């Protein structure tokens, strides 16, 4: 390869890097926005769950049973492979501690 060819390749690579870097920045921004939205949703779910358990103490035992059943189900399922990335770890790490009450399940169980 000659120096001219290497120079042309470097120019092309620099242009491609600039274009892809801008796209990557947009994707990072989108992921950060999605993570923030998910955190708001998780906080709202947690607040609703606390309110339901305060207003309906009889749901507490049902909630305990559903949580235990969900844990057994999750433990018996093989883990799904996920790419290990520092940006994804923040999203999945934030979601790990959040559990749902299963309000529709609880309402169905109370109705029967």
Foldseek 3Di string as FASTA:
>chain_A
DDPVVVVVVVVVVVVVCVVVVVVVVVVLVVLVVVLVVVLVVLVVQVVVVVVCCVVDVVLVVVQVVVVVVVVVVVVVDDDDDDDDDPSVCVSVVSCPVGDGSPVVVSVVVVVD
